Amino acid sequence: MSVTTKLEVEYSQFKKGMAEAQASVKTLDAELKLSEAQFKATGDAEKYAAEQAALLQQKLNAQKEAAKNAEQMFLNLAKRGVQPTSTEYQRMAQKMLNAQAAVATTQAELNKLNTKQEAAAGSAKTLADEVGNIGKNVSLQNTTDGLSKITSGMERA
């Protein structure tokens, strides 16, 4: 098999893999939109955040696989002596960079979501602590009031 034929076969396989990855990402994007619409309808923020995190992680995994495939194809071109000035080389470099950029964008979305979840968890803990403190203060106040009434009753007797 000639070098050109090998490259054509590899590129064909690469295109098929990229098409599958892109279809997967599009499906996950649709699921993310559905999750958001359901959140707007129900207001269940905890469920929404969990779904978003899981879907973004799946999307990230698919994009990482596509980026890995693009990088491998790019490296194969270089190994086979395809010139950096050729259209094929430039096209593959662009595909690889676009795939890497998509990974970085999704990773940033996932990081942002995780930061929001951590902040919400911290706020919920702070709120729970405050409610607990209020309960302790009310209980202490009730005990103090009760002791005052007992003391005052004993003084009258």
Protein backbone atom coordinates (compact mmCIF):
# COMPACT_ATOMS: atom_id res chain seq x y z
CA MET A 1 0.00 0.00 0.00
CA SER A 2 1.43 3.39 -0.95
CA VAL A 3 1.97 6.22 1.54
CA THR A 4 -0.82 8.23 -0.07
CA THR A 5 -3.26 5.33 0.16
CA LYS A 6 -2.33 4.73 3.81
CA LEU A 7 -2.92 8.40 4.57
CA GLU A 8 -6.27 8.30 2.80
CA VAL A 9 -7.35 5.25 4.82
CA GLU A 10 -6.15 6.81 8.09
CA TYR A 11 -7.84 10.09 7.27
CA SER A 12 -11.07 8.28 6.39
CA GLN A 13 -10.99 6.49 9.74
CA PHE A 14 -10.19 9.75 11.48
CA LYS A 15 -13.13 11.51 9.81
CA LYS A 16 -15.45 8.68 10.84
CA GLY A 17 -14.22 8.90 14.45
CA MET A 18 -14.59 12.69 14.47
CA ALA A 19 -18.12 12.43 13.05
CA GLU A 20 -19.06 9.97 15.80
CA ALA A 21 -17.54 12.21 18.48
CA GLN A 22 -19.31 15.28 17.08
CA ALA A 23 -22.63 13.42 17.01
CA SER A 24 -22.11 12.39 20.61
CA VAL A 25 -21.30 15.98 21.62
CA LYS A 26 -24.40 17.27 19.81
CA THR A 27 -26.56 14.73 21.63
CA LEU A 28 -25.03 15.74 24.96
CA ASP A 29 -25.61 19.42 24.14
CA ALA A 30 -29.28 18.61 23.51
CA GLU A 31 -29.43 16.74 26.84
CA LEU A 32 -27.88 19.76 28.59
CA LYS A 33 -30.58 22.00 27.08
CA LEU A 34 -33.29 19.57 28.15
CA SER A 35 -31.89 19.48 31.67
CA GLU A 36 -31.91 23.28 31.79
CA ALA A 37 -35.52 23.43 30.55
CA GLN A 38 -36.57 20.90 33.18
CA PHE A 39 -34.83 22.92 35.87
CA LYS A 40 -36.68 26.05 34.79
CA ALA A 41 -39.95 24.12 35.02
CA THR A 42 -39.29 22.41 38.37
CA GLY A 43 -36.74 24.61 40.10
CA ASP A 44 -34.88 21.56 41.45
CA ALA A 45 -31.41 23.12 41.59
CA GLU A 46 -29.70 20.14 43.20
CA LYS A 47 -30.90 17.71 40.54
CA TYR A 48 -30.07 20.21 37.79
CA ALA A 49 -26.51 20.71 39.04
CA ALA A 50 -25.92 16.95 39.30
CA GLU A 51 -27.27 16.36 35.77
CA GLN A 52 -25.22 19.23 34.36
CA ALA A 53 -22.04 17.93 35.98
CA ALA A 54 -22.58 14.39 34.67
CA LEU A 55 -23.44 15.55 31.15
CA LEU A 56 -20.53 17.99 31.00
CA GLN A 57 -18.16 15.23 32.11
CA GLN A 58 -19.47 12.95 29.34
CA LYS A 59 -19.09 15.76 26.83
CA LEU A 60 -15.56 16.43 28.05
CA ASN A 61 -14.65 12.75 27.67
CA ALA A 62 -15.97 12.66 24.09
CA GLN A 63 -14.09 15.84 23.22
CA LYS A 64 -10.86 14.54 24.76
CA GLU A 65 -11.14 11.41 22.62
CA ALA A 66 -11.69 13.54 19.49
CA ALA A 67 -8.72 15.76 20.39
CA LYS A 68 -6.54 12.70 20.96
CA ASN A 69 -7.52 11.30 17.56
CA ALA A 70 -6.87 14.64 15.86
CA GLU A 71 -3.46 14.92 17.47
CA GLN A 72 -2.57 11.38 16.45
CA MET A 73 -3.59 12.02 12.85
CA PHE A 74 -1.61 15.27 12.86
CA LEU A 75 1.48 13.47 14.17
CA ASN A 76 1.05 10.75 11.54
CA LEU A 77 1.10 13.40 8.82
CA ALA A 78 4.34 14.81 10.19
CA LYS A 79 5.91 11.34 10.43
CA ARG A 80 5.01 10.62 6.82
CA GLY A 81 6.79 13.75 5.69
CA VAL A 82 3.76 15.84 4.77
CA GLN A 83 5.04 19.39 4.52
CA PRO A 84 3.82 21.95 7.10
CA THR A 85 2.95 24.29 4.23
CA SER A 86 0.59 21.79 2.61
CA THR A 87 -3.16 22.29 2.74
CA GLU A 88 -3.64 18.85 4.26
CA TYR A 89 -1.18 19.59 7.07
CA GLN A 90 -2.74 23.00 7.79
CA ARG A 91 -6.26 21.57 7.76
CA MET A 92 -5.28 18.83 10.20
CA ALA A 93 -3.49 21.33 12.46
CA GLN A 94 -6.66 23.43 12.54
CA LYS A 95 -8.83 20.41 13.37
CA MET A 96 -6.47 19.44 16.18
CA LEU A 97 -6.44 22.96 17.63
CA ASN A 98 -10.23 23.26 17.38
CA ALA A 99 -10.63 19.94 19.19
CA GLN A 100 -8.24 21.06 21.93
CA ALA A 101 -10.08 24.38 22.27
CA ALA A 102 -13.39 22.54 22.66
CA VAL A 103 -11.87 20.45 25.47
CA ALA A 104 -10.61 23.58 27.23
CA THR A 105 -14.00 25.30 26.92
CA THR A 106 -15.92 22.34 28.33
CA GLN A 107 -13.37 21.91 31.12
CA ALA A 108 -13.88 25.58 32.04
CA GLU A 109 -17.68 25.08 32.10
CA LEU A 110 -17.27 22.05 34.35
CA ASN A 111 -14.88 23.91 36.66
CA LYS A 112 -17.33 26.83 36.89
CA LEU A 113 -20.19 24.47 37.74
CA ASN A 114 -18.08 22.72 40.39
CA THR A 115 -17.16 26.08 41.94
CA LYS A 116 -20.86 27.04 42.08
CA GLN A 117 -21.73 23.70 43.68
CA GLU A 118 -18.99 24.11 46.30
CA ALA A 119 -20.15 27.64 47.07
CA ALA A 120 -23.76 26.48 47.37
CA ALA A 121 -22.72 23.63 49.67
CA GLY A 122 -20.76 26.10 51.81
CA SER A 123 -23.75 28.45 51.95
CA ALA A 124 -26.05 25.59 52.91
CA LYS A 125 -23.67 24.54 55.71
CA THR A 126 -23.43 28.13 56.95
CA LEU A 127 -27.22 28.39 56.91
CA ALA A 128 -27.57 25.08 58.78
CA ASP A 129 -25.03 26.26 61.35
CA GLU A 130 -26.89 29.54 61.79
CA VAL A 131 -30.23 27.74 62.21
CA GLY A 132 -28.58 25.43 64.75
CA ASN A 133 -27.19 28.42 66.64
CA ILE A 134 -30.59 30.09 66.66
CA GLY A 135 -32.09 26.89 68.05
CA LYS A 136 -29.44 26.77 70.79
CA ASN A 137 -29.98 30.44 71.63
CA VAL A 138 -33.76 30.00 71.80
CA SER A 139 -33.34 26.90 73.96
CA LEU A 140 -30.92 28.75 76.26
CA GLN A 141 -33.28 31.71 76.45
CA ASN A 142 -36.21 29.41 77.31
CA THR A 143 -34.13 27.72 80.00
CA THR A 144 -33.06 31.09 81.42
CA ASP A 145 -36.68 32.31 81.39
CA GLY A 146 -37.81 29.11 83.09
CA LEU A 147 -35.17 29.39 85.79
CA SER A 148 -36.12 33.01 86.39
CA LYS A 149 -39.76 32.02 86.86
CA ILE A 150 -38.81 29.25 89.26
CA THR A 151 -36.57 31.59 91.23
CA SER A 152 -39.25 34.22 91.36
CA GLY A 153 -41.83 31.64 92.45
CA MET A 154 -39.53 30.43 95.22
CA GLU A 155 -38.98 33.97 96.44
CA ARG A 156 -42.73 34.48 96.76
CA ALA A 157 -43.19 31.31 98.74
